[in-house]
Amino acid sequence: MKKRIAIFASGSGSNAQKLMEHFKRSNEIEISLVLTNNPDAYVLQRADNFEIPTHIFDKNEFYKTDDVIDLLKNLDIDFIVLAGFLWLIPQNLIAEYPGRIVNIHPAILPKFGGKGMYGDHVHNAVISAGELEGGITIHYVDENYDEGEYIYQARYKIDKEDNLEMVKFKGQQLEHLHYPRIVEMLVKKIKK
């Protein structure tokens, strides 16, 4: 029986796409559901291209009900991957999936983390700070933004002529290379 992953995303979903590609032919793990808080998110089209079911939810459903948890349980979801998901994960969901929710952050935490630090906000902060290195952090999710235990970090060199697009490109290369591999390693450890 395959282990089942749900992806939460709020936007384009390039990391979600890499996960879908990675697990498409797996005999052990599948992406079973993509959830979003944004009805216009391009990740919905990406999921549709892979014939993966989707679910759109609002703040009330996510924070004031157990509907999302019930959906995950009904689909026998084993593991949750955040891929550009911008809302804080509620305590009831963390309690239901302890040590089974991961996120990827486009910087070397603990620097450049916290509320409002996502996407270009992070890359611009890294550039403004004159950092010589950028990177990614894959971490477990807890009740605070970007404070869960680190699982994996990777770095890239920032050249002084690098602009926002170049820094973003270098970061995404690392995300796309490492996130599917680390997720697979973590999911394989789960006892069904």
C-alpha atoms as a PDB file:
ATOM      1  CA  MET A   1       0.000   0.000   0.000  1.00  0.00           C
ATOM      2  CA  LYS A   2       1.415   3.355  -1.052  1.00  0.00           C
ATOM      3  CA  LYS A   3       2.122   6.084   1.469  1.00  0.00           C
ATOM      4  CA  ARG A   4       0.107   9.177   0.673  1.00  0.00           C
ATOM      5  CA  ILE A   5       1.213  12.811   0.614  1.00  0.00           C
ATOM      6  CA  ALA A   6      -0.901  15.959   0.624  1.00  0.00           C
ATOM      7  CA  ILE A   7       0.669  19.185  -0.662  1.00  0.00           C
ATOM      8  CA  PHE A   8      -0.442  22.593   0.622  1.00  0.00           C
ATOM      9  CA  ALA A   9       0.415  25.509  -1.695  1.00  0.00           C
ATOM     10  CA  SER A  10      -0.750  29.095  -2.134  1.00  0.00           C
ATOM     11  CA  GLY A  11       0.707  30.119  -5.490  1.00  0.00           C
ATOM     12  CA  SER A  12       2.436  28.906  -8.621  1.00  0.00           C
ATOM     13  CA  GLY A  13       3.544  25.581  -7.192  1.00  0.00           C
ATOM     14  CA  SER A  14       6.927  24.996  -8.834  1.00  0.00           C
ATOM     15  CA  ASN A  15       8.038  22.873  -5.872  1.00  0.00           C
ATOM     16  CA  ALA A  16       4.704  21.043  -5.944  1.00  0.00           C
ATOM     17  CA  GLN A  17       5.340  20.300  -9.632  1.00  0.00           C
ATOM     18  CA  LYS A  18       8.778  18.837  -8.836  1.00  0.00           C
ATOM     19  CA  LEU A  19       7.213  16.644  -6.131  1.00  0.00           C
ATOM     20  CA  MET A  20       4.489  15.468  -8.532  1.00  0.00           C
ATOM     21  CA  GLU A  21       7.114  14.607 -11.157  1.00  0.00           C
ATOM     22  CA  HIS A  22       9.334  12.860  -8.595  1.00  0.00           C
ATOM     23  CA  PHE A  23       6.606  10.581  -7.203  1.00  0.00           C
ATOM     24  CA  LYS A  24       4.687   9.985 -10.460  1.00  0.00           C
ATOM     25  CA  ARG A  25       6.284   6.576 -11.031  1.00  0.00           C
ATOM     26  CA  SER A  26       6.936   5.610  -7.419  1.00  0.00           C
ATOM     27  CA  ASN A  27       5.639   2.239  -6.248  1.00  0.00           C
ATOM     28  CA  GLU A  28       5.814   3.335  -2.599  1.00  0.00           C
ATOM     29  CA  ILE A  29       4.632   6.951  -2.398  1.00  0.00           C
ATOM     30  CA  GLU A  30       2.013   9.065  -4.172  1.00  0.00           C
ATOM     31  CA  ILE A  31       0.808  12.641  -4.128  1.00  0.00           C
ATOM     32  CA  SER A  32      -2.870  12.099  -3.296  1.00  0.00           C
ATOM     33  CA  LEU A  33      -4.163  15.644  -2.827  1.00  0.00           C
ATOM     34  CA  VAL A  34      -3.235  19.279  -3.417  1.00  0.00           C
ATOM     35  CA  LEU A  35      -4.855  21.856  -1.147  1.00  0.00           C
ATOM     36  CA  THR A  36      -4.823  25.619  -1.482  1.00  0.00           C
ATOM     37  CA  ASN A  37      -6.244  28.723   0.138  1.00  0.00           C
ATOM     38  CA  ASN A  38      -6.111  30.549  -3.211  1.00  0.00           C
ATOM     39  CA  PRO A  39      -8.754  29.688  -5.853  1.00  0.00           C
ATOM     40  CA  ASP A  40      -6.560  31.352  -8.519  1.00  0.00           C
ATOM     41  CA  ALA A  41      -3.351  29.494  -7.613  1.00  0.00           C
ATOM     42  CA  TYR A  42      -1.544  28.032 -10.624  1.00  0.00           C
ATOM     43  CA  VAL A  43      -0.764  24.952  -8.515  1.00  0.00           C
ATOM     44  CA  LEU A  44      -4.369  23.856  -9.231  1.00  0.00           C
ATOM     45  CA  GLN A  45      -3.561  23.623 -12.950  1.00  0.00           C
ATOM     46  CA  ARG A  46      -0.344  21.727 -12.186  1.00  0.00           C
ATOM     47  CA  ALA A  47      -2.286  19.219 -10.062  1.00  0.00           C
ATOM     48  CA  ASP A  48      -4.899  18.859 -12.801  1.00  0.00           C
ATOM     49  CA  ASN A  49      -2.125  18.091 -15.317  1.00  0.00           C
ATOM     50  CA  PHE A  50      -1.116  15.136 -13.094  1.00  0.00           C
ATOM     51  CA  GLU A  51      -4.762  14.144 -12.428  1.00  0.00           C
ATOM     52  CA  ILE A  52      -4.319  14.798  -8.706  1.00  0.00           C
ATOM     53  CA  PRO A  53      -7.459  15.845  -6.792  1.00  0.00           C
ATOM     54  CA  THR A  54      -7.536  19.354  -5.308  1.00  0.00           C
ATOM     55  CA  HIS A  55      -9.337  21.109  -2.501  1.00  0.00           C
ATOM     56  CA  ILE A  56      -9.760  24.857  -2.027  1.00  0.00           C
ATOM     57  CA  PHE A  57     -10.499  26.121   1.481  1.00  0.00           C
ATOM     58  CA  ASP A  58     -11.033  29.459   3.195  1.00  0.00           C
ATOM     59  CA  LYS A  59      -9.854  30.838   6.545  1.00  0.00           C
ATOM     60  CA  ASN A  60     -12.991  29.770   8.379  1.00  0.00           C
ATOM     61  CA  GLU A  61     -12.759  26.157   7.182  1.00  0.00           C
ATOM     62  CA  PHE A  62      -9.033  25.988   7.953  1.00  0.00           C
ATOM     63  CA  TYR A  63      -8.972  27.625  11.383  1.00  0.00           C
ATOM     64  CA  LYS A  64     -12.456  27.150  12.836  1.00  0.00           C
ATOM     65  CA  THR A  65     -13.425  23.617  11.735  1.00  0.00           C
ATOM     66  CA  ASP A  66     -11.880  20.164  11.420  1.00  0.00           C
ATOM     67  CA  ASP A  67     -13.038  19.845   7.794  1.00  0.00           C
ATOM     68  CA  VAL A  68      -9.511  19.871   6.342  1.00  0.00           C
ATOM     69  CA  ILE A  69      -8.317  17.296   8.896  1.00  0.00           C
ATOM     70  CA  ASP A  70     -11.362  15.108   8.188  1.00  0.00           C
ATOM     71  CA  LEU A  71     -10.605  15.267   4.458  1.00  0.00           C
ATOM     72  CA  LEU A  72      -6.946  14.287   5.053  1.00  0.00           C
ATOM     73  CA  LYS A  73      -7.978  11.395   7.294  1.00  0.00           C
ATOM     74  CA  ASN A  74     -10.642  10.181   4.863  1.00  0.00           C
ATOM     75  CA  LEU A  75      -7.984  10.032   2.149  1.00  0.00           C
ATOM     76  CA  ASP A  76      -5.521   8.215   4.470  1.00  0.00           C
ATOM     77  CA  ILE A  77      -2.930  10.982   4.117  1.00  0.00           C
ATOM     78  CA  ASP A  78       0.320   9.996   5.852  1.00  0.00           C
ATOM     79  CA  PHE A  79       2.423  13.126   5.349  1.00  0.00           C
ATOM     80  CA  ILE A  80       1.938  16.830   4.578  1.00  0.00           C
ATOM     81  CA  VAL A  81       4.309  18.921   2.474  1.00  0.00           C
ATOM     82  CA  LEU A  82       4.071  22.715   2.385  1.00  0.00           C
ATOM     83  CA  ALA A  83       5.195  24.135  -0.955  1.00  0.00           C
ATOM     84  CA  GLY A  84       4.818  27.900  -0.869  1.00  0.00           C
ATOM     85  CA  PHE A  85       1.901  27.805   1.548  1.00  0.00           C
ATOM     86  CA  LEU A  86       1.567  31.181   3.272  1.00  0.00           C
ATOM     87  CA  TRP A  87      -0.772  30.574   6.218  1.00  0.00           C
ATOM     88  CA  LEU A  88       0.272  29.469   9.674  1.00  0.00           C
ATOM     89  CA  ILE A  89      -0.669  25.827  10.288  1.00  0.00           C
ATOM     90  CA  PRO A  90      -3.323  25.532  13.040  1.00  0.00           C
ATOM     91  CA  GLN A  91      -2.600  23.615  16.238  1.00  0.00           C
ATOM     92  CA  ASN A  92      -5.239  20.930  15.569  1.00  0.00           C
ATOM     93  CA  LEU A  93      -3.548  19.991  12.268  1.00  0.00           C
ATOM     94  CA  ILE A  94      -0.089  19.909  13.881  1.00  0.00           C
ATOM     95  CA  ALA A  95      -1.476  17.684  16.644  1.00  0.00           C
ATOM     96  CA  GLU A  96      -3.030  15.321  14.076  1.00  0.00           C
ATOM     97  CA  TYR A  97       0.236  15.010  12.104  1.00  0.00           C
ATOM     98  CA  PRO A  98       3.059  15.325  14.663  1.00  0.00           C
ATOM     99  CA  GLY A  99       6.455  15.231  12.953  1.00  0.00           C
ATOM    100  CA  ARG A 100       4.708  14.666   9.615  1.00  0.00           C
ATOM    101  CA  ILE A 101       4.459  18.215   8.254  1.00  0.00           C
ATOM    102  CA  VAL A 102       7.445  19.783   6.492  1.00  0.00           C
ATOM    103  CA  ASN A 103       8.141  23.103   4.815  1.00  0.00           C
ATOM    104  CA  ILE A 104      10.863  24.526   2.612  1.00  0.00           C
ATOM    105  CA  HIS A 105      12.143  28.042   3.249  1.00  0.00           C
ATOM    106  CA  PRO A 106      14.218  30.005   0.699  1.00  0.00           C
ATOM    107  CA  ALA A 107      16.979  31.030   3.139  1.00  0.00           C
ATOM    108  CA  ILE A 108      19.344  29.548   5.697  1.00  0.00           C
ATOM    109  CA  LEU A 109      17.220  29.740   8.840  1.00  0.00           C
ATOM    110  CA  PRO A 110      17.169  31.171  11.460  1.00  0.00           C
ATOM    111  CA  LYS A 111      18.132  34.206   9.333  1.00  0.00           C
ATOM    112  CA  PHE A 112      15.406  35.749   7.173  1.00  0.00           C
ATOM    113  CA  GLY A 113      12.518  33.728   8.616  1.00  0.00           C
ATOM    114  CA  GLY A 114       9.230  34.545  10.294  1.00  0.00           C
ATOM    115  CA  LYS A 115       5.894  36.110   9.392  1.00  0.00           C
ATOM    116  CA  GLY A 116       5.928  37.845   6.030  1.00  0.00           C
ATOM    117  CA  MET A 117       9.247  36.291   5.030  1.00  0.00           C
ATOM    118  CA  TYR A 118       8.453  34.310   1.899  1.00  0.00           C
ATOM    119  CA  GLY A 119       9.422  34.355  -1.771  1.00  0.00           C
ATOM    120  CA  ASP A 120      10.879  37.613  -3.060  1.00  0.00           C
ATOM    121  CA  HIS A 121      10.635  39.206   0.411  1.00  0.00           C
ATOM    122  CA  VAL A 122      13.273  36.730   1.586  1.00  0.00           C
ATOM    123  CA  HIS A 123      15.492  37.089  -1.486  1.00  0.00           C
ATOM    124  CA  ASN A 124      15.383  40.901  -1.292  1.00  0.00           C
ATOM    125  CA  ALA A 125      16.265  40.787   2.412  1.00  0.00           C
ATOM    126  CA  VAL A 126      19.212  38.483   1.704  1.00  0.00           C
ATOM    127  CA  ILE A 127      20.480  40.814  -1.051  1.00  0.00           C
ATOM    128  CA  SER A 128      19.928  43.970   1.078  1.00  0.00           C
ATOM    129  CA  ALA A 129      21.888  42.417   3.938  1.00  0.00           C
ATOM    130  CA  GLY A 130      24.870  41.893   1.609  1.00  0.00           C
ATOM    131  CA  GLU A 131      24.984  38.167   2.286  1.00  0.00           C
ATOM    132  CA  LEU A 132      27.705  36.186   0.493  1.00  0.00           C
ATOM    133  CA  GLU A 133      25.590  33.025   0.607  1.00  0.00           C
ATOM    134  CA  GLY A 134      21.945  32.207   0.146  1.00  0.00           C
ATOM    135  CA  GLY A 135      20.296  28.870   0.636  1.00  0.00           C
ATOM    136  CA  ILE A 136      17.339  26.759   1.578  1.00  0.00           C
ATOM    137  CA  THR A 137      16.095  25.142   4.769  1.00  0.00           C
ATOM    138  CA  ILE A 138      13.789  22.147   4.903  1.00  0.00           C
ATOM    139  CA  HIS A 139      12.220  21.961   8.345  1.00  0.00           C
ATOM    140  CA  TYR A 140       9.429  20.432  10.369  1.00  0.00           C
ATOM    141  CA  VAL A 141       6.408  22.670  10.912  1.00  0.00           C
ATOM    142  CA  ASP A 142       5.343  23.806  14.363  1.00  0.00           C
ATOM    143  CA  GLU A 143       2.926  26.497  15.562  1.00  0.00           C
ATOM    144  CA  ASN A 144       5.301  29.361  14.619  1.00  0.00           C
ATOM    145  CA  TYR A 145       6.548  30.505  11.224  1.00  0.00           C
ATOM    146  CA  ASP A 146       9.896  28.915  10.299  1.00  0.00           C
ATOM    147  CA  GLU A 147      10.796  27.752  13.818  1.00  0.00           C
ATOM    148  CA  GLY A 148      10.394  23.975  13.486  1.00  0.00           C
ATOM    149  CA  GLU A 149      13.383  21.637  13.746  1.00  0.00           C
ATOM    150  CA  TYR A 150      15.721  21.807  10.743  1.00  0.00           C
ATOM    151  CA  ILE A 151      15.999  18.694   8.591  1.00  0.00           C
ATOM    152  CA  TYR A 152      18.298  19.840   5.790  1.00  0.00           C
ATOM    153  CA  GLN A 153      20.069  22.997   4.628  1.00  0.00           C
ATOM    154  CA  ALA A 154      21.911  23.728   1.389  1.00  0.00           C
ATOM    155  CA  ARG A 155      23.788  26.855   0.332  1.00  0.00           C
ATOM    156  CA  TYR A 156      24.717  28.691  -2.843  1.00  0.00           C
ATOM    157  CA  LYS A 157      27.201  31.513  -3.445  1.00  0.00           C
ATOM    158  CA  ILE A 158      25.879  35.016  -4.097  1.00  0.00           C
ATOM    159  CA  ASP A 159      28.044  36.998  -6.504  1.00  0.00           C
ATOM    160  CA  LYS A 160      28.045  40.767  -6.103  1.00  0.00           C
ATOM    161  CA  GLU A 161      26.498  41.243  -9.559  1.00  0.00           C
ATOM    162  CA  ASP A 162      23.599  38.851  -8.764  1.00  0.00           C
ATOM    163  CA  ASN A 163      20.194  40.523  -8.960  1.00  0.00           C
ATOM    164  CA  LEU A 164      16.886  39.300  -7.518  1.00  0.00           C
ATOM    165  CA  GLU A 165      16.180  36.974 -10.451  1.00  0.00           C
ATOM    166  CA  MET A 166      19.603  35.342 -10.225  1.00  0.00           C
ATOM    167  CA  VAL A 167      19.352  34.804  -6.458  1.00  0.00           C
ATOM    168  CA  LYS A 168      15.849  33.404  -6.869  1.00  0.00           C
ATOM    169  CA  PHE A 169      17.040  31.096  -9.672  1.00  0.00           C
ATOM    170  CA  LYS A 170      19.946  29.745  -7.604  1.00  0.00           C
ATOM    171  CA  GLY A 171      17.613  29.119  -4.673  1.00  0.00           C
ATOM    172  CA  GLN A 172      14.992  27.371  -6.781  1.00  0.00           C
ATOM    173  CA  GLN A 173      17.629  25.100  -8.307  1.00  0.00           C
ATOM    174  CA  LEU A 174      18.477  23.888  -4.783  1.00  0.00           C
ATOM    175  CA  GLU A 175      14.803  23.589  -3.794  1.00  0.00           C
ATOM    176  CA  HIS A 176      13.941  21.501  -6.855  1.00  0.00           C
ATOM    177  CA  LEU A 177      17.011  19.312  -6.411  1.00  0.00           C
ATOM    178  CA  HIS A 178      16.663  18.568  -2.699  1.00  0.00           C
ATOM    179  CA  TYR A 179      13.009  18.875  -1.620  1.00  0.00           C
ATOM    180  CA  PRO A 180      11.636  15.769  -3.412  1.00  0.00           C
ATOM    181  CA  ARG A 181      14.603  13.682  -2.252  1.00  0.00           C
ATOM    182  CA  ILE A 182      14.321  14.757   1.398  1.00  0.00           C
ATOM    183  CA  VAL A 183      10.525  14.296   1.399  1.00  0.00           C
ATOM    184  CA  GLU A 184      10.954  10.784  -0.012  1.00  0.00           C
ATOM    185  CA  MET A 185      13.503   9.926   2.681  1.00  0.00           C
ATOM    186  CA  LEU A 186      11.168  11.172   5.447  1.00  0.00           C
ATOM    187  CA  VAL A 187       8.051   9.453   4.083  1.00  0.00           C
ATOM    188  CA  LYS A 188       9.851   6.124   3.693  1.00  0.00           C
ATOM    189  CA  LYS A 189      10.577   6.184   7.465  1.00  0.00           C
ATOM    190  CA  ILE A 190       6.873   6.371   8.336  1.00  0.00           C
ATOM    191  CA  LYS A 191       5.339   3.171   9.687  1.00  0.00           C
ATOM    192  CA  LYS A 192       1.947   2.588   8.042  1.00  0.00           C
END
